[in-house]
Amino acid sequence: MSQKEDVKKLLELVQQYPDVEIVPMIDCEAVPSDDYAYYAGSWGYASLDEYYRDDERIYFRSEDEEQLIDDEYDSFCGQGMNDDKVMEKAREKVNAYPWTKCICVYIGPA
C-alpha cells in the first residue's frame, strides 16, 4: 500500500470512530539514536484494534492475543482440569484484561 492509501485508510477510521484513541507504533528503524529530539517517519498501515498494556509492554489483540492465551494456559496447567477447561479459563482471563479499543498506526522510517 502507498503512503497516500495508508493515510486515506487512517482518515476513514478516524471518521468512523472519532472517539477512539489513536496509537502510533513507531518502528525502531525510524529512531536510529537519541542524538536528536525528533526524527522523520513515514505513515504506515492503520487498523482498528484493541490494546492492553502491562508494566513491560503493549499488546495488540490482533497480534498478541494467542500468545497471551498460551501464556495463561501454561499458568493454569497442573490444576486438575482437562485441556478444554484449561483453555476456557485461559481465554476468559485474557478476555478480562482491560483491553482498550484504538486505531493503531504504524510509523516507519522516512
N, C-alpha and C. Protein backbone atom coordinates (compact mmCIF):
# COMPACT_ATOMS: atom_id res chain seq x y z
N MET A 1 0.84 -1.18 0.00
CA MET A 1 0.00 0.00 0.00
C MET A 1 0.89 1.24 0.00
N SER A 2 0.48 2.27 -0.72
CA SER A 2 1.25 3.50 -0.75
C SER A 2 0.94 4.35 0.48
N GLN A 3 1.81 5.32 0.76
CA GLN A 3 1.58 6.20 1.91
C GLN A 3 0.25 6.93 1.76
N LYS A 4 -0.09 7.34 0.54
CA LYS A 4 -1.35 8.03 0.29
C LYS A 4 -2.54 7.13 0.68
N GLU A 5 -2.46 5.87 0.31
CA GLU A 5 -3.53 4.92 0.67
C GLU A 5 -3.57 4.67 2.18
N ASP A 6 -2.40 4.61 2.80
CA ASP A 6 -2.34 4.42 4.25
C ASP A 6 -2.99 5.59 4.99
N VAL A 7 -2.70 6.81 4.55
CA VAL A 7 -3.29 7.99 5.19
C VAL A 7 -4.80 8.03 4.94
N LYS A 8 -5.22 7.66 3.75
CA LYS A 8 -6.66 7.61 3.44
C LYS A 8 -7.37 6.63 4.38
N LYS A 9 -6.78 5.47 4.58
CA LYS A 9 -7.36 4.47 5.49
C LYS A 9 -7.43 5.03 6.91
N LEU A 10 -6.37 5.69 7.37
CA LEU A 10 -6.36 6.29 8.70
C LEU A 10 -7.49 7.31 8.84
N LEU A 11 -7.64 8.18 7.86
CA LEU A 11 -8.68 9.20 7.92
C LEU A 11 -10.08 8.59 7.92
N GLU A 12 -10.26 7.51 7.17
CA GLU A 12 -11.55 6.80 7.17
C GLU A 12 -11.85 6.23 8.56
N LEU A 13 -10.84 5.64 9.18
CA LEU A 13 -11.03 5.08 10.53
C LEU A 13 -11.35 6.18 11.54
N VAL A 14 -10.68 7.31 11.43
CA VAL A 14 -10.93 8.43 12.35
C VAL A 14 -12.35 8.94 12.16
N GLN A 15 -12.83 9.00 10.92
CA GLN A 15 -14.21 9.43 10.68
C GLN A 15 -15.21 8.43 11.25
N GLN A 16 -14.95 7.14 11.08
CA GLN A 16 -15.86 6.10 11.56
C GLN A 16 -15.84 5.99 13.08
N TYR A 17 -14.69 6.23 13.69
CA TYR A 17 -14.51 6.04 15.13
C TYR A 17 -13.87 7.29 15.74
N PRO A 18 -14.57 8.41 15.75
CA PRO A 18 -13.96 9.67 16.19
C PRO A 18 -13.56 9.71 17.67
N ASP A 19 -14.14 8.87 18.49
CA ASP A 19 -13.83 8.88 19.92
C ASP A 19 -12.79 7.84 20.33
N VAL A 20 -12.26 7.12 19.34
CA VAL A 20 -11.29 6.06 19.64
C VAL A 20 -9.88 6.63 19.61
N GLU A 21 -9.10 6.27 20.61
CA GLU A 21 -7.71 6.71 20.74
C GLU A 21 -6.88 6.25 19.53
N ILE A 22 -5.98 7.12 19.07
CA ILE A 22 -5.03 6.76 18.02
C ILE A 22 -3.70 6.43 18.70
N VAL A 23 -3.16 5.25 18.40
CA VAL A 23 -1.91 4.80 19.00
C VAL A 23 -0.87 4.65 17.88
N PRO A 24 0.10 5.57 17.81
CA PRO A 24 1.16 5.41 16.82
C PRO A 24 2.21 4.41 17.31
N MET A 25 2.53 3.46 16.47
CA MET A 25 3.55 2.47 16.78
C MET A 25 4.74 2.75 15.88
N ILE A 26 5.85 3.15 16.48
CA ILE A 26 7.00 3.65 15.73
C ILE A 26 8.06 2.57 15.59
N ASP A 27 8.37 2.25 14.36
CA ASP A 27 9.40 1.26 14.05
C ASP A 27 10.73 1.75 14.61
N CYS A 28 11.48 0.86 15.25
CA CYS A 28 12.75 1.26 15.85
C CYS A 28 13.74 1.79 14.81
N GLU A 29 13.58 1.42 13.55
CA GLU A 29 14.46 1.93 12.50
C GLU A 29 14.19 3.40 12.19
N ALA A 30 13.01 3.91 12.60
CA ALA A 30 12.70 5.32 12.39
C ALA A 30 13.43 6.21 13.39
N VAL A 31 13.94 5.61 14.47
CA VAL A 31 14.65 6.37 15.51
C VAL A 31 15.99 5.66 15.75
N PRO A 32 16.99 5.96 14.91
CA PRO A 32 18.24 5.22 14.97
C PRO A 32 19.12 5.53 16.18
N SER A 33 18.88 6.67 16.85
CA SER A 33 19.69 7.01 18.03
C SER A 33 18.93 8.04 18.84
N ASP A 34 19.53 8.46 19.95
CA ASP A 34 18.90 9.51 20.76
C ASP A 34 19.68 10.83 20.66
N ASP A 35 20.36 11.00 19.53
CA ASP A 35 21.16 12.21 19.33
C ASP A 35 20.32 13.45 19.10
N TYR A 36 19.09 13.29 18.60
CA TYR A 36 18.24 14.43 18.26
C TYR A 36 16.87 14.25 18.90
N ALA A 37 16.14 15.34 19.00
CA ALA A 37 14.82 15.30 19.64
C ALA A 37 13.75 14.68 18.75
N TYR A 38 13.87 14.87 17.43
CA TYR A 38 12.83 14.39 16.51
C TYR A 38 13.46 13.69 15.32
N TYR A 39 12.72 12.76 14.74
CA TYR A 39 13.13 12.06 13.53
C TYR A 39 11.96 12.03 12.57
N ALA A 40 12.24 12.07 11.28
CA ALA A 40 11.19 11.96 10.26
C ALA A 40 10.78 10.50 10.14
N GLY A 41 9.50 10.30 9.93
CA GLY A 41 8.98 8.96 9.73
C GLY A 41 8.03 8.96 8.55
N SER A 42 7.49 7.80 8.23
CA SER A 42 6.51 7.69 7.16
C SER A 42 5.27 6.97 7.66
N TRP A 43 4.12 7.40 7.17
CA TRP A 43 2.87 6.77 7.55
C TRP A 43 2.82 5.36 7.03
N GLY A 44 2.40 4.45 7.90
CA GLY A 44 2.24 3.06 7.51
C GLY A 44 0.79 2.63 7.68
N TYR A 45 0.60 1.35 7.79
CA TYR A 45 -0.71 0.73 7.88
C TYR A 45 -1.47 1.19 9.13
N ALA A 46 -2.77 1.42 8.98
CA ALA A 46 -3.63 1.78 10.10
C ALA A 46 -4.77 0.77 10.20
N SER A 47 -5.14 0.41 11.42
CA SER A 47 -6.24 -0.55 11.61
C SER A 47 -6.93 -0.31 12.94
N LEU A 48 -8.17 -0.76 13.02
CA LEU A 48 -8.90 -0.74 14.27
C LEU A 48 -8.48 -1.97 15.06
N ASP A 49 -8.14 -1.78 16.30
CA ASP A 49 -7.62 -2.88 17.12
C ASP A 49 -7.96 -2.59 18.58
N GLU A 50 -7.44 -3.41 19.46
CA GLU A 50 -7.52 -3.19 20.90
C GLU A 50 -6.15 -3.44 21.47
N TYR A 51 -5.81 -2.68 22.52
CA TYR A 51 -4.51 -2.91 23.15
C TYR A 51 -4.70 -3.11 24.65
N TYR A 52 -3.71 -3.77 25.22
CA TYR A 52 -3.60 -3.99 26.66
C TYR A 52 -2.16 -3.68 27.01
N ARG A 53 -1.96 -2.91 28.05
CA ARG A 53 -0.61 -2.52 28.46
C ARG A 53 -0.35 -3.02 29.86
N ASP A 54 0.79 -3.68 30.05
CA ASP A 54 1.21 -4.05 31.40
C ASP A 54 2.48 -3.27 31.72
N ASP A 55 3.20 -3.65 32.75
CA ASP A 55 4.39 -2.91 33.16
C ASP A 55 5.55 -3.04 32.16
N GLU A 56 5.50 -4.04 31.30
CA GLU A 56 6.62 -4.30 30.40
C GLU A 56 6.42 -3.80 28.98
N ARG A 57 5.18 -3.91 28.45
CA ARG A 57 4.99 -3.60 27.03
C ARG A 57 3.51 -3.40 26.71
N ILE A 58 3.25 -3.13 25.44
CA ILE A 58 1.89 -3.00 24.95
C ILE A 58 1.59 -4.22 24.07
N TYR A 59 0.39 -4.75 24.23
CA TYR A 59 -0.05 -5.91 23.46
C TYR A 59 -1.23 -5.51 22.60
N PHE A 60 -1.27 -5.98 21.37
CA PHE A 60 -2.41 -5.75 20.49
C PHE A 60 -3.16 -7.06 20.31
N ARG A 61 -4.48 -6.97 20.44
CA ARG A 61 -5.30 -8.18 20.36
C ARG A 61 -5.07 -8.90 19.04
N SER A 62 -5.00 -8.15 17.94
CA SER A 62 -4.85 -8.78 16.62
C SER A 62 -3.53 -9.54 16.48
N GLU A 63 -2.50 -9.12 17.17
CA GLU A 63 -1.18 -9.74 17.03
C GLU A 63 -0.79 -10.63 18.20
N ASP A 64 -1.23 -10.30 19.40
CA ASP A 64 -0.68 -10.93 20.60
C ASP A 64 -1.65 -11.80 21.39
N GLU A 65 -2.92 -11.79 21.02
CA GLU A 65 -3.92 -12.50 21.83
C GLU A 65 -3.61 -13.98 21.99
N GLU A 66 -3.25 -14.66 20.91
CA GLU A 66 -2.99 -16.10 21.00
C GLU A 66 -1.81 -16.41 21.92
N GLN A 67 -0.76 -15.58 21.85
CA GLN A 67 0.39 -15.79 22.74
C GLN A 67 0.01 -15.56 24.19
N LEU A 68 -0.82 -14.54 24.45
CA LEU A 68 -1.28 -14.28 25.82
C LEU A 68 -2.12 -15.46 26.33
N ILE A 69 -2.96 -16.01 25.47
CA ILE A 69 -3.77 -17.17 25.86
C ILE A 69 -2.86 -18.35 26.16
N ASP A 70 -1.86 -18.57 25.31
CA ASP A 70 -0.91 -19.67 25.56
C ASP A 70 -0.19 -19.48 26.89
N ASP A 71 0.21 -18.24 27.20
CA ASP A 71 0.89 -17.97 28.46
C ASP A 71 -0.04 -18.26 29.65
N GLU A 72 -1.28 -17.83 29.54
CA GLU A 72 -2.25 -18.09 30.61
C GLU A 72 -2.56 -19.58 30.71
N TYR A 73 -2.62 -20.26 29.58
CA TYR A 73 -2.84 -21.71 29.56
C TYR A 73 -1.78 -22.39 30.42
N ASP A 74 -0.54 -22.00 30.20
CA ASP A 74 0.57 -22.59 30.97
C ASP A 74 0.41 -22.34 32.46
N SER A 75 -0.14 -21.18 32.83
CA SER A 75 -0.30 -20.87 34.25
C SER A 75 -1.41 -21.68 34.91
N PHE A 76 -2.36 -22.17 34.10
CA PHE A 76 -3.47 -22.97 34.65
C PHE A 76 -3.16 -24.47 34.64
N CYS A 77 -2.16 -24.89 33.88
CA CYS A 77 -1.84 -26.32 33.80
C CYS A 77 -1.46 -26.87 35.18
N GLY A 78 -1.77 -28.11 35.40
CA GLY A 78 -1.43 -28.75 36.66
C GLY A 78 -2.40 -28.45 37.78
N GLN A 79 -3.56 -27.87 37.46
CA GLN A 79 -4.54 -27.56 38.49
C GLN A 79 -5.72 -28.53 38.47
N GLY A 80 -5.50 -29.70 37.87
CA GLY A 80 -6.52 -30.75 37.91
C GLY A 80 -7.67 -30.57 36.93
N MET A 81 -7.48 -29.74 35.91
CA MET A 81 -8.53 -29.54 34.90
C MET A 81 -8.09 -30.19 33.60
N ASN A 82 -9.09 -30.61 32.80
CA ASN A 82 -8.74 -31.16 31.49
C ASN A 82 -8.34 -30.02 30.56
N ASP A 83 -7.77 -30.36 29.40
CA ASP A 83 -7.23 -29.36 28.47
C ASP A 83 -8.29 -28.35 28.02
N ASP A 84 -9.51 -28.83 27.75
CA ASP A 84 -10.57 -27.91 27.30
C ASP A 84 -10.90 -26.89 28.37
N LYS A 85 -10.95 -27.33 29.62
CA LYS A 85 -11.26 -26.41 30.72
C LYS A 85 -10.11 -25.42 30.94
N VAL A 86 -8.89 -25.90 30.83
CA VAL A 86 -7.73 -25.02 30.97
C VAL A 86 -7.76 -23.95 29.88
N MET A 87 -8.05 -24.35 28.64
CA MET A 87 -8.11 -23.40 27.54
C MET A 87 -9.25 -22.40 27.76
N GLU A 88 -10.38 -22.87 28.23
CA GLU A 88 -11.51 -21.98 28.52
C GLU A 88 -11.12 -20.94 29.58
N LYS A 89 -10.47 -21.37 30.64
CA LYS A 89 -10.04 -20.46 31.70
C LYS A 89 -9.01 -19.45 31.17
N ALA A 90 -8.09 -19.92 30.34
CA ALA A 90 -7.07 -19.03 29.78
C ALA A 90 -7.73 -17.96 28.90
N ARG A 91 -8.67 -18.35 28.05
CA ARG A 91 -9.37 -17.39 27.19
C ARG A 91 -10.18 -16.39 28.03
N GLU A 92 -10.85 -16.88 29.06
CA GLU A 92 -11.62 -15.99 29.95
C GLU A 92 -10.71 -14.94 30.59
N LYS A 93 -9.55 -15.39 31.05
CA LYS A 93 -8.64 -14.47 31.72
C LYS A 93 -8.13 -13.39 30.75
N VAL A 94 -7.76 -13.79 29.54
CA VAL A 94 -7.27 -12.83 28.55
C VAL A 94 -8.40 -11.88 28.13
N ASN A 95 -9.60 -12.40 27.96
CA ASN A 95 -10.75 -11.55 27.60
C ASN A 95 -11.06 -10.54 28.70
N ALA A 96 -10.70 -10.85 29.93
CA ALA A 96 -10.96 -9.95 31.07
C ALA A 96 -9.88 -8.88 31.24
N TYR A 97 -8.79 -8.98 30.47
CA TYR A 97 -7.78 -7.92 30.53
C TYR A 97 -8.44 -6.59 30.20
N PRO A 98 -7.91 -5.48 30.67
CA PRO A 98 -8.50 -4.16 30.37
C PRO A 98 -8.15 -3.69 28.95
N TRP A 99 -8.71 -4.37 27.95
CA TRP A 99 -8.48 -4.02 26.56
C TRP A 99 -9.07 -2.65 26.26
N THR A 100 -8.37 -1.85 25.47
CA THR A 100 -8.82 -0.53 25.06
C THR A 100 -8.88 -0.49 23.53
N LYS A 101 -10.03 -0.12 22.99
CA LYS A 101 -10.16 -0.01 21.54
C LYS A 101 -9.28 1.15 21.06
N CYS A 102 -8.64 0.97 19.91
CA CYS A 102 -7.77 2.02 19.37
C CYS A 102 -7.68 1.92 17.85
N ILE A 103 -7.19 2.98 17.29
CA ILE A 103 -6.76 2.97 15.89
C ILE A 103 -5.24 2.90 15.95
N CYS A 104 -4.70 1.80 15.51
CA CYS A 104 -3.25 1.60 15.56
C CYS A 104 -2.66 2.05 14.22
N VAL A 105 -1.65 2.92 14.28
CA VAL A 105 -1.00 3.44 13.09
C VAL A 105 0.49 3.11 13.19
N TYR A 106 0.99 2.42 12.18
CA TYR A 106 2.41 2.08 12.16
C TYR A 106 3.18 3.19 11.47
N ILE A 107 4.27 3.63 12.09
CA ILE A 107 5.14 4.68 11.58
C ILE A 107 6.48 4.03 11.28
N GLY A 108 6.92 4.15 10.03
CA GLY A 108 8.19 3.55 9.62
C GLY A 108 9.23 4.62 9.36
N PRO A 109 10.43 4.19 8.98
CA PRO A 109 11.48 5.16 8.67
C PRO A 109 11.12 5.96 7.44
N ALA A 110 11.60 7.19 7.37
CA ALA A 110 11.31 8.06 6.21
C ALA A 110 12.08 7.61 5.00
